[in-house]
Amino acid sequence: MSQPFVAIMMGSDSDLPQIEPTLDALAKLKIQYEVKVTSAHHTPELTHSYVKDADKRGCCVFICAGDMVAHLAGAVAAATTKPVVGIPVNAALNGLDSLLSTVQMPGGIPVATVAIGKAGAKNAAYLAAQMMSLADADLAQRLKDERAANAKAVQEKDTALQARLAQKD
């Protein structure tokens, strides 16, 4: 069996700037990933074929980015029992159309949905990492270390702010 990975799918290459935080976070956490442009509407057979192939090759989580009707995540969820995370892309209607079509899945075909745009893209990677960490103690530790580093950075910012404010008194 090949190394576990995350499959990132987007409906268009124009979605790439919005999913770069996904790629950055996965790389930082040392998680293998693949990126594919495919469409639920324009290339449904290729989409289905890629999902089935990725399943066989060790994909643990699918992350799908889509704008407007955002059917890609739903099409992927219908083709696999692996977790699917949908990133609503901020395009038309400030991403609300994408958000609503990503979260409104029929019962039994879930798609985990994150925030619209780049914050959601980053959270999609962390959610995928948390899912994968259930079977990977090293990854679970990397996630804990990341959270501790983030907490330390916030504490350091507060310490610096308090020192700056104290100088004004």
C-alpha atoms as a PDB file:
ATOM      1  CA  MET A   1       0.000   0.000   0.000  1.00  0.00           C
ATOM      2  CA  SER A   2       1.265   3.467  -0.843  1.00  0.00           C
ATOM      3  CA  GLN A   3       1.791   6.317   1.605  1.00  0.00           C
ATOM      4  CA  PRO A   4      -1.397   7.964   2.932  1.00  0.00           C
ATOM      5  CA  PHE A   5      -2.232  11.248   1.246  1.00  0.00           C
ATOM      6  CA  VAL A   6      -4.874  13.933   0.858  1.00  0.00           C
ATOM      7  CA  ALA A   7      -6.456  14.467  -2.553  1.00  0.00           C
ATOM      8  CA  ILE A   8      -7.225  18.112  -3.270  1.00  0.00           C
ATOM      9  CA  MET A   9      -9.651  18.669  -6.092  1.00  0.00           C
ATOM     10  CA  MET A  10     -10.767  21.938  -7.617  1.00  0.00           C
ATOM     11  CA  GLY A  11     -13.176  22.716 -10.389  1.00  0.00           C
ATOM     12  CA  SER A  12     -10.847  25.164 -12.106  1.00  0.00           C
ATOM     13  CA  ASP A  13      -7.223  26.231 -11.970  1.00  0.00           C
ATOM     14  CA  SER A  14      -8.547  29.701 -11.081  1.00  0.00           C
ATOM     15  CA  ASP A  15      -9.347  28.245  -7.619  1.00  0.00           C
ATOM     16  CA  LEU A  16      -5.643  27.689  -6.908  1.00  0.00           C
ATOM     17  CA  PRO A  17      -4.957  31.063  -5.215  1.00  0.00           C
ATOM     18  CA  GLN A  18      -7.746  30.378  -2.734  1.00  0.00           C
ATOM     19  CA  ILE A  19      -6.539  26.881  -1.862  1.00  0.00           C
ATOM     20  CA  GLU A  20      -2.855  27.718  -1.476  1.00  0.00           C
ATOM     21  CA  PRO A  21      -3.322  27.893   2.335  1.00  0.00           C
ATOM     22  CA  THR A  22      -4.419  24.236   2.160  1.00  0.00           C
ATOM     23  CA  LEU A  23      -1.217  23.263   0.388  1.00  0.00           C
ATOM     24  CA  ASP A  24       0.933  25.333   2.763  1.00  0.00           C
ATOM     25  CA  ALA A  25      -0.635  23.824   5.886  1.00  0.00           C
ATOM     26  CA  LEU A  26      -0.379  20.248   4.609  1.00  0.00           C
ATOM     27  CA  ALA A  27       3.271  20.796   3.679  1.00  0.00           C
ATOM     28  CA  LYS A  28       3.987  22.306   7.100  1.00  0.00           C
ATOM     29  CA  LEU A  29       2.447  19.237   8.744  1.00  0.00           C
ATOM     30  CA  LYS A  30       4.419  16.933   6.408  1.00  0.00           C
ATOM     31  CA  ILE A  31       1.315  15.401   4.853  1.00  0.00           C
ATOM     32  CA  GLN A  32       1.541  14.107   1.296  1.00  0.00           C
ATOM     33  CA  TYR A  33      -1.031  15.492  -1.124  1.00  0.00           C
ATOM     34  CA  GLU A  34      -2.106  15.540  -4.743  1.00  0.00           C
ATOM     35  CA  VAL A  35      -3.856  18.399  -6.532  1.00  0.00           C
ATOM     36  CA  LYS A  36      -6.231  17.824  -9.442  1.00  0.00           C
ATOM     37  CA  VAL A  37      -8.418  20.036 -11.618  1.00  0.00           C
ATOM     38  CA  THR A  38     -11.607  18.179 -12.360  1.00  0.00           C
ATOM     39  CA  SER A  39     -15.270  19.066 -12.689  1.00  0.00           C
ATOM     40  CA  ALA A  40     -18.446  17.429 -11.469  1.00  0.00           C
ATOM     41  CA  HIS A  41     -20.184  18.793 -14.560  1.00  0.00           C
ATOM     42  CA  HIS A  42     -17.622  18.950 -17.371  1.00  0.00           C
ATOM     43  CA  THR A  43     -15.638  15.791 -16.588  1.00  0.00           C
ATOM     44  CA  PRO A  44     -17.882  13.606 -14.393  1.00  0.00           C
ATOM     45  CA  GLU A  45     -16.376  10.307 -15.582  1.00  0.00           C
ATOM     46  CA  LEU A  46     -12.818  11.536 -15.004  1.00  0.00           C
ATOM     47  CA  THR A  47     -13.785  12.847 -11.572  1.00  0.00           C
ATOM     48  CA  HIS A  48     -15.328   9.520 -10.574  1.00  0.00           C
ATOM     49  CA  SER A  49     -12.370   7.585 -11.994  1.00  0.00           C
ATOM     50  CA  TYR A  50      -9.850   9.740 -10.100  1.00  0.00           C
ATOM     51  CA  VAL A  51     -11.725   9.284  -6.799  1.00  0.00           C
ATOM     52  CA  LYS A  52     -11.837   5.506  -7.212  1.00  0.00           C
ATOM     53  CA  ASP A  53      -8.149   5.403  -8.151  1.00  0.00           C
ATOM     54  CA  ALA A  54      -7.124   7.676  -5.260  1.00  0.00           C
ATOM     55  CA  ASP A  55      -9.115   5.465  -2.866  1.00  0.00           C
ATOM     56  CA  LYS A  56      -7.128   2.436  -4.027  1.00  0.00           C
ATOM     57  CA  ARG A  57      -3.792   4.272  -3.742  1.00  0.00           C
ATOM     58  CA  GLY A  58      -4.200   5.319  -0.106  1.00  0.00           C
ATOM     59  CA  CYS A  59      -6.089   8.606  -0.114  1.00  0.00           C
ATOM     60  CA  CYS A  60      -7.355   9.246   3.407  1.00  0.00           C
ATOM     61  CA  VAL A  61      -9.285  12.496   2.912  1.00  0.00           C
ATOM     62  CA  PHE A  62     -10.582  14.394  -0.094  1.00  0.00           C
ATOM     63  CA  ILE A  63     -10.622  18.200  -0.032  1.00  0.00           C
ATOM     64  CA  CYS A  64     -12.756  19.839  -2.720  1.00  0.00           C
ATOM     65  CA  ALA A  65     -12.862  23.514  -3.611  1.00  0.00           C
ATOM     66  CA  GLY A  66     -15.649  24.919  -5.678  1.00  0.00           C
ATOM     67  CA  ASP A  67     -17.469  28.100  -6.452  1.00  0.00           C
ATOM     68  CA  MET A  68     -21.048  28.831  -7.399  1.00  0.00           C
ATOM     69  CA  VAL A  69     -22.991  25.549  -7.200  1.00  0.00           C
ATOM     70  CA  ALA A  70     -19.994  23.704  -5.699  1.00  0.00           C
ATOM     71  CA  HIS A  71     -21.134  20.234  -6.736  1.00  0.00           C
ATOM     72  CA  LEU A  72     -17.623  18.790  -6.828  1.00  0.00           C
ATOM     73  CA  ALA A  73     -17.547  17.938  -3.110  1.00  0.00           C
ATOM     74  CA  GLY A  74     -20.939  16.248  -3.372  1.00  0.00           C
ATOM     75  CA  ALA A  75     -19.943  14.277  -6.441  1.00  0.00           C
ATOM     76  CA  VAL A  76     -16.790  13.110  -4.673  1.00  0.00           C
ATOM     77  CA  ALA A  77     -18.695  12.232  -1.486  1.00  0.00           C
ATOM     78  CA  ALA A  78     -21.096  10.130  -3.557  1.00  0.00           C
ATOM     79  CA  ALA A  79     -18.165   8.153  -4.993  1.00  0.00           C
ATOM     80  CA  THR A  80     -16.266   7.361  -1.772  1.00  0.00           C
ATOM     81  CA  THR A  81     -16.750   6.521   1.877  1.00  0.00           C
ATOM     82  CA  LYS A  82     -13.604   8.468   2.793  1.00  0.00           C
ATOM     83  CA  PRO A  83     -14.112  11.854   4.483  1.00  0.00           C
ATOM     84  CA  VAL A  84     -14.722  14.781   2.139  1.00  0.00           C
ATOM     85  CA  VAL A  85     -14.078  18.371   3.180  1.00  0.00           C
ATOM     86  CA  GLY A  86     -15.602  21.121   1.070  1.00  0.00           C
ATOM     87  CA  ILE A  87     -14.056  24.569   0.766  1.00  0.00           C
ATOM     88  CA  PRO A  88     -16.585  27.155  -0.428  1.00  0.00           C
ATOM     89  CA  VAL A  89     -14.722  29.420  -2.840  1.00  0.00           C
ATOM     90  CA  ASN A  90     -15.383  33.137  -2.730  1.00  0.00           C
ATOM     91  CA  ALA A  91     -16.565  33.913  -6.248  1.00  0.00           C
ATOM     92  CA  ALA A  92     -20.171  34.866  -6.947  1.00  0.00           C
ATOM     93  CA  LEU A  93     -22.394  36.165  -4.107  1.00  0.00           C
ATOM     94  CA  ASN A  94     -19.350  36.504  -1.806  1.00  0.00           C
ATOM     95  CA  GLY A  95     -19.159  32.725  -1.614  1.00  0.00           C
ATOM     96  CA  LEU A  96     -22.577  32.281   0.014  1.00  0.00           C
ATOM     97  CA  ASP A  97     -23.867  30.305  -2.962  1.00  0.00           C
ATOM     98  CA  SER A  98     -20.895  27.970  -2.689  1.00  0.00           C
ATOM     99  CA  LEU A  99     -21.288  27.671   1.086  1.00  0.00           C
ATOM    100  CA  LEU A 100     -24.951  26.757   0.882  1.00  0.00           C
ATOM    101  CA  SER A 101     -24.506  24.195  -1.876  1.00  0.00           C
ATOM    102  CA  THR A 102     -21.588  22.622  -0.010  1.00  0.00           C
ATOM    103  CA  VAL A 103     -23.422  22.211   3.300  1.00  0.00           C
ATOM    104  CA  GLN A 104     -26.773  21.137   1.826  1.00  0.00           C
ATOM    105  CA  MET A 105     -26.020  17.488   1.190  1.00  0.00           C
ATOM    106  CA  PRO A 106     -28.619  14.722   1.362  1.00  0.00           C
ATOM    107  CA  GLY A 107     -28.600  12.525   4.458  1.00  0.00           C
ATOM    108  CA  GLY A 108     -26.039   9.752   4.237  1.00  0.00           C
ATOM    109  CA  ILE A 109     -23.647  11.619   1.891  1.00  0.00           C
ATOM    110  CA  PRO A 110     -21.853  14.029   4.237  1.00  0.00           C
ATOM    111  CA  VAL A 111     -19.443  16.771   3.273  1.00  0.00           C
ATOM    112  CA  ALA A 112     -17.648  18.545   6.108  1.00  0.00           C
ATOM    113  CA  THR A 113     -17.716  22.227   5.260  1.00  0.00           C
ATOM    114  CA  VAL A 114     -15.269  24.917   6.351  1.00  0.00           C
ATOM    115  CA  ALA A 115     -15.355  28.702   6.081  1.00  0.00           C
ATOM    116  CA  ILE A 116     -15.497  30.545   2.784  1.00  0.00           C
ATOM    117  CA  GLY A 117     -12.151  31.361   1.173  1.00  0.00           C
ATOM    118  CA  LYS A 118      -8.605  31.243   2.474  1.00  0.00           C
ATOM    119  CA  ALA A 119      -9.426  30.750   6.179  1.00  0.00           C
ATOM    120  CA  GLY A 120     -11.544  27.772   5.203  1.00  0.00           C
ATOM    121  CA  ALA A 121      -8.786  26.495   2.948  1.00  0.00           C
ATOM    122  CA  LYS A 122      -6.349  26.494   5.869  1.00  0.00           C
ATOM    123  CA  ASN A 123      -8.902  24.842   8.159  1.00  0.00           C
ATOM    124  CA  ALA A 124      -9.611  22.162   5.545  1.00  0.00           C
ATOM    125  CA  ALA A 125      -5.983  21.075   5.807  1.00  0.00           C
ATOM    126  CA  TYR A 126      -6.067  21.050   9.600  1.00  0.00           C
ATOM    127  CA  LEU A 127      -9.348  19.129   9.642  1.00  0.00           C
ATOM    128  CA  ALA A 128      -7.899  16.560   7.244  1.00  0.00           C
ATOM    129  CA  ALA A 129      -4.807  16.322   9.460  1.00  0.00           C
ATOM    130  CA  GLN A 130      -6.945  15.761  12.547  1.00  0.00           C
ATOM    131  CA  MET A 131      -8.820  12.981  10.764  1.00  0.00           C
ATOM    132  CA  MET A 132      -5.572  11.350   9.662  1.00  0.00           C
ATOM    133  CA  SER A 133      -4.024  11.749  13.112  1.00  0.00           C
ATOM    134  CA  LEU A 134      -6.490   9.215  14.508  1.00  0.00           C
ATOM    135  CA  ALA A 135      -4.281   6.528  12.953  1.00  0.00           C
ATOM    136  CA  ASP A 136      -0.947   8.388  13.085  1.00  0.00           C
ATOM    137  CA  ALA A 137       0.529   9.236  16.477  1.00  0.00           C
ATOM    138  CA  ASP A 138       3.394  11.236  14.930  1.00  0.00           C
ATOM    139  CA  LEU A 139       0.956  13.441  13.056  1.00  0.00           C
ATOM    140  CA  ALA A 140      -1.125  13.861  16.219  1.00  0.00           C
ATOM    141  CA  GLN A 141       2.011  15.116  17.984  1.00  0.00           C
ATOM    142  CA  ARG A 142       2.818  17.519  15.134  1.00  0.00           C
ATOM    143  CA  LEU A 143      -0.690  18.949  15.463  1.00  0.00           C
ATOM    144  CA  LYS A 144      -0.267  19.364  19.238  1.00  0.00           C
ATOM    145  CA  ASP A 145       3.110  21.034  18.717  1.00  0.00           C
ATOM    146  CA  GLU A 146       1.591  23.382  16.135  1.00  0.00           C
ATOM    147  CA  ARG A 147      -1.170  24.409  18.538  1.00  0.00           C
ATOM    148  CA  ALA A 148       1.343  24.952  21.340  1.00  0.00           C
ATOM    149  CA  ALA A 149       3.490  27.130  19.064  1.00  0.00           C
ATOM    150  CA  ASN A 150       0.432  29.163  18.061  1.00  0.00           C
ATOM    151  CA  ALA A 151      -0.537  29.648  21.708  1.00  0.00           C
ATOM    152  CA  LYS A 152       2.999  30.717  22.571  1.00  0.00           C
ATOM    153  CA  ALA A 153       3.006  33.240  19.722  1.00  0.00           C
ATOM    154  CA  VAL A 154      -0.241  34.785  21.001  1.00  0.00           C
ATOM    155  CA  GLN A 155       1.142  34.982  24.544  1.00  0.00           C
ATOM    156  CA  GLU A 156       4.313  36.658  23.259  1.00  0.00           C
ATOM    157  CA  LYS A 157       2.241  39.214  21.350  1.00  0.00           C
ATOM    158  CA  ASP A 158       0.257  39.992  24.491  1.00  0.00           C
ATOM    159  CA  THR A 159       3.445  40.369  26.544  1.00  0.00           C
ATOM    160  CA  ALA A 160       4.839  42.800  23.973  1.00  0.00           C
ATOM    161  CA  LEU A 161       1.572  44.739  23.887  1.00  0.00           C
ATOM    162  CA  GLN A 162       1.445  45.002  27.669  1.00  0.00           C
ATOM    163  CA  ALA A 163       5.040  46.275  27.754  1.00  0.00           C
ATOM    164  CA  ARG A 164       4.264  48.864  25.078  1.00  0.00           C
ATOM    165  CA  LEU A 165       1.154  50.028  26.916  1.00  0.00           C
ATOM    166  CA  ALA A 166       3.031  50.240  30.222  1.00  0.00           C
ATOM    167  CA  GLN A 167       5.577  52.576  28.595  1.00  0.00           C
ATOM    168  CA  LYS A 168       2.772  55.037  27.780  1.00  0.00           C
ATOM    169  CA  ASP A 169       1.815  55.413  31.459  1.00  0.00           C
END
